[in-house]
Protein backbone atom coordinates (compact mmCIF):
# COMPACT_ATOMS: atom_id res chain seq x y z
CA MET A 1 62.35 43.40 84.44
CA ARG A 2 59.95 40.96 85.92
CA THR A 3 58.01 39.93 83.11
CA LEU A 4 60.21 36.77 82.33
CA PRO A 5 60.23 35.24 85.48
CA VAL A 6 56.46 35.86 85.48
CA ALA A 7 56.33 34.62 82.07
CA ALA A 8 58.38 31.54 82.77
CA LEU A 9 56.34 30.94 86.47
CA ALA A 10 53.26 30.77 83.95
CA MET A 11 54.84 28.61 81.25
CA ALA A 12 55.79 25.92 84.26
CA LEU A 13 52.15 26.06 85.65
CA VAL A 14 50.71 25.64 82.60
CA ALA A 15 53.12 22.94 81.68
CA ALA A 16 52.53 21.20 85.26
CA GLY A 17 48.49 21.43 84.00
CA CYS A 18 49.01 19.19 81.08
CA GLY A 19 50.68 17.03 82.82
CA LEU A 20 54.16 17.54 80.83
CA LEU A 21 56.56 17.71 84.50
CA SER A 22 54.51 14.60 85.80
CA LYS A 23 56.68 11.32 84.97
CA LYS A 24 53.28 9.69 84.11
CA HIS A 25 52.35 8.32 80.49
CA ALA A 26 48.82 9.96 79.27
CA VAL A 27 48.42 6.83 77.50
CA SER A 28 49.11 3.34 78.23
CA ILE A 29 49.93 0.41 75.62
CA GLU A 30 48.55 -2.97 77.10
CA GLU A 31 51.23 -5.23 75.91
CA GLN A 32 49.13 -7.64 74.37
CA ALA A 33 46.82 -5.15 72.30
CA VAL A 34 44.30 -6.33 69.98
CA PRO A 35 44.06 -4.00 66.90
CA ILE A 36 40.67 -2.53 66.61
CA GLY A 37 40.17 -3.26 62.90
CA SER A 38 39.95 -7.33 63.53
CA ARG A 39 37.96 -7.16 66.69
CA TRP A 40 34.07 -7.47 66.81
CA ASN A 41 33.05 -4.56 69.28
CA ALA A 42 29.65 -4.27 71.31
CA THR A 43 28.22 -1.78 73.76
CA LEU A 44 26.32 -3.13 76.48
CA SER A 45 23.21 -1.61 78.02
CA THR A 46 20.17 -2.97 80.31
CA PRO A 47 17.31 -4.46 78.13
CA ALA A 48 14.24 -2.44 78.02
CA ASN A 49 12.30 -4.43 80.54
CA LEU A 50 14.58 -4.02 83.01
CA SER A 51 15.34 -0.22 82.35
CA GLY A 52 15.04 1.64 85.96
CA ALA A 53 15.56 -0.73 87.94
CA LEU A 54 18.92 -1.18 86.93
CA GLN A 55 21.55 0.34 84.42
CA VAL A 56 24.24 -1.43 83.93
CA ARG A 57 26.45 -0.73 80.52
CA GLY A 58 29.72 -1.92 79.18
CA THR A 59 31.81 -2.90 76.34
CA ALA A 60 32.55 -6.36 74.98
CA TRP A 61 35.27 -7.45 72.14
CA MET A 62 36.65 -10.48 70.74
CA ALA A 63 39.35 -10.93 68.32
CA PRO A 64 41.56 -13.50 67.36
CA ALA A 65 44.34 -15.00 69.43
CA GLY A 66 46.35 -17.13 67.61
CA ASP A 67 45.97 -21.13 66.59
CA ASN A 68 42.00 -21.88 66.85
CA ARG A 69 41.70 -19.50 70.03
CA THR A 70 39.37 -16.23 69.90
CA ARG A 71 40.37 -13.94 72.77
CA VAL A 72 36.88 -12.25 74.37
CA TYR A 73 37.15 -9.11 76.97
CA ILE A 74 34.03 -7.38 78.80
CA SER A 75 33.95 -4.37 81.26
CA VAL A 76 30.94 -3.48 83.04
CA ALA A 77 30.09 -0.58 85.32
CA ASN A 78 27.11 0.82 87.20
CA ALA A 79 26.27 -3.08 88.42
CA ALA A 80 24.92 -3.20 92.03
CA PRO A 81 28.56 -4.02 94.48
CA GLY A 82 29.01 -7.90 95.13
CA GLY A 83 27.15 -9.03 92.29
CA VAL A 84 28.52 -12.44 90.66
CA HIS A 85 27.34 -12.97 86.73
CA PRO A 86 27.91 -15.46 84.42
CA TRP A 87 28.26 -13.94 81.34
CA HIS A 88 29.02 -15.42 77.46
CA VAL A 89 29.45 -14.26 73.77
CA HIS A 90 25.96 -16.36 71.92
CA HIS A 91 24.51 -16.38 68.64
CA GLY A 92 22.07 -14.32 67.52
CA HIS A 93 20.99 -10.91 68.55
CA CYS A 94 20.13 -9.42 71.85
CA ASP A 95 16.45 -9.81 70.82
CA ASN A 96 16.78 -13.26 69.89
CA SER A 97 19.77 -14.88 71.26
CA GLY A 98 20.55 -18.07 70.99
CA GLY A 99 23.56 -20.84 72.17
CA VAL A 100 26.67 -20.51 73.72
CA VAL A 101 29.63 -19.68 71.38
CA GLY A 102 32.43 -21.67 72.19
CA PRO A 103 32.33 -23.75 75.85
CA ALA A 104 30.12 -22.08 78.47
CA ASP A 105 32.53 -22.88 81.36
CA ALA A 106 35.33 -21.03 79.54
CA TYR A 107 33.95 -17.62 79.98
CA GLY A 108 33.79 -17.70 84.05
CA THR A 109 31.75 -14.92 85.75
CA LEU A 110 31.81 -11.19 86.34
CA ARG A 111 32.49 -10.24 90.23
CA ILE A 112 30.99 -6.99 90.89
CA LYS A 113 33.50 -4.82 92.88
CA ASP A 114 32.72 -1.79 95.26
CA ASP A 115 32.61 0.17 92.72
CA GLY A 116 30.09 -1.10 90.25
CA THR A 117 32.74 -2.43 87.75
CA ALA A 118 33.88 -5.68 86.84
CA SER A 119 35.75 -7.03 84.14
CA ALA A 120 36.98 -10.39 82.33
CA ASP A 121 40.05 -11.84 79.44
CA VAL A 122 39.52 -15.02 78.47
CA GLN A 123 40.08 -16.81 75.86
CA ILE A 124 38.24 -19.82 74.22
CA PRO A 125 39.02 -22.49 72.02
CA MET A 126 37.69 -21.61 68.83
CA ALA A 127 38.91 -19.64 65.74
CA THR A 128 37.20 -16.36 65.58
CA PRO A 129 34.41 -16.23 63.34
CA THR A 130 34.36 -14.22 60.03
CA SER A 131 30.67 -13.87 59.99
CA GLY A 132 27.46 -14.12 61.57
CA ASP A 133 25.63 -12.42 64.36
CA TYR A 134 26.81 -12.55 67.79
CA ASP A 135 25.66 -10.99 70.87
CA VAL A 136 27.05 -10.78 74.79
CA ASN A 137 24.95 -11.34 77.51
CA VAL A 138 25.42 -10.35 81.38
CA HIS A 139 23.10 -13.16 83.11
CA ALA A 140 21.26 -11.90 86.73
CA SER A 141 23.50 -15.32 88.65
CA PRO A 142 24.47 -18.25 88.47
CA GLU A 143 20.84 -19.21 89.94
CA ASN A 144 18.82 -16.87 87.90
CA MET A 145 20.36 -17.52 83.82
CA GLY A 146 17.82 -16.54 82.18
CA THR A 147 17.35 -12.66 83.24
CA ILE A 148 19.85 -10.94 81.14
CA ILE A 149 20.67 -7.84 82.92
CA ALA A 150 23.20 -6.57 79.92
CA CYS A 151 23.26 -7.32 76.38
CA GLY A 152 25.26 -5.81 73.48
CA ASN A 153 25.07 -7.12 69.54
CA LEU A 154 28.74 -7.31 68.27
CA ALA A 155 29.59 -5.58 65.15
CA PRO A 156 32.10 -7.31 63.07
CA PRO A 157 35.54 -5.69 62.29
CA SER A 158 35.15 -2.97 59.49
CA GLN A 159 36.76 -4.79 56.15
């Protein structure tokens, strides 16, 4: 007759391990979530010429944010704690990057936390592009804009 209590205890342990008894949600939905199908997406990494010295990685995306506005999000990891890095969306590709998309001062800087991560979420005053080539650059510092420590080409939304 001990089988029932043991089975109940086993089920409770499994439920606790799966998070079924906790009050935390397994998935949190951002209030202003942007549908993935409308986003330009990029995976960022350190350029080959800096590989070994740095290994910054991250993601970025841009999407419509309303009337003549584009929302741009970036997240980086494995960066040097305390670093301050300007970042922008540029015309072109990582190997042939052109001018900044929108006003450069709309992007601000990434301030790297103690765990090596940083993120930013901005809106730039322009309509989201529907075609073209774009990349996201993370610059070494405000004083060293010529050195790119992470870059990713933005892939257009799937149609």
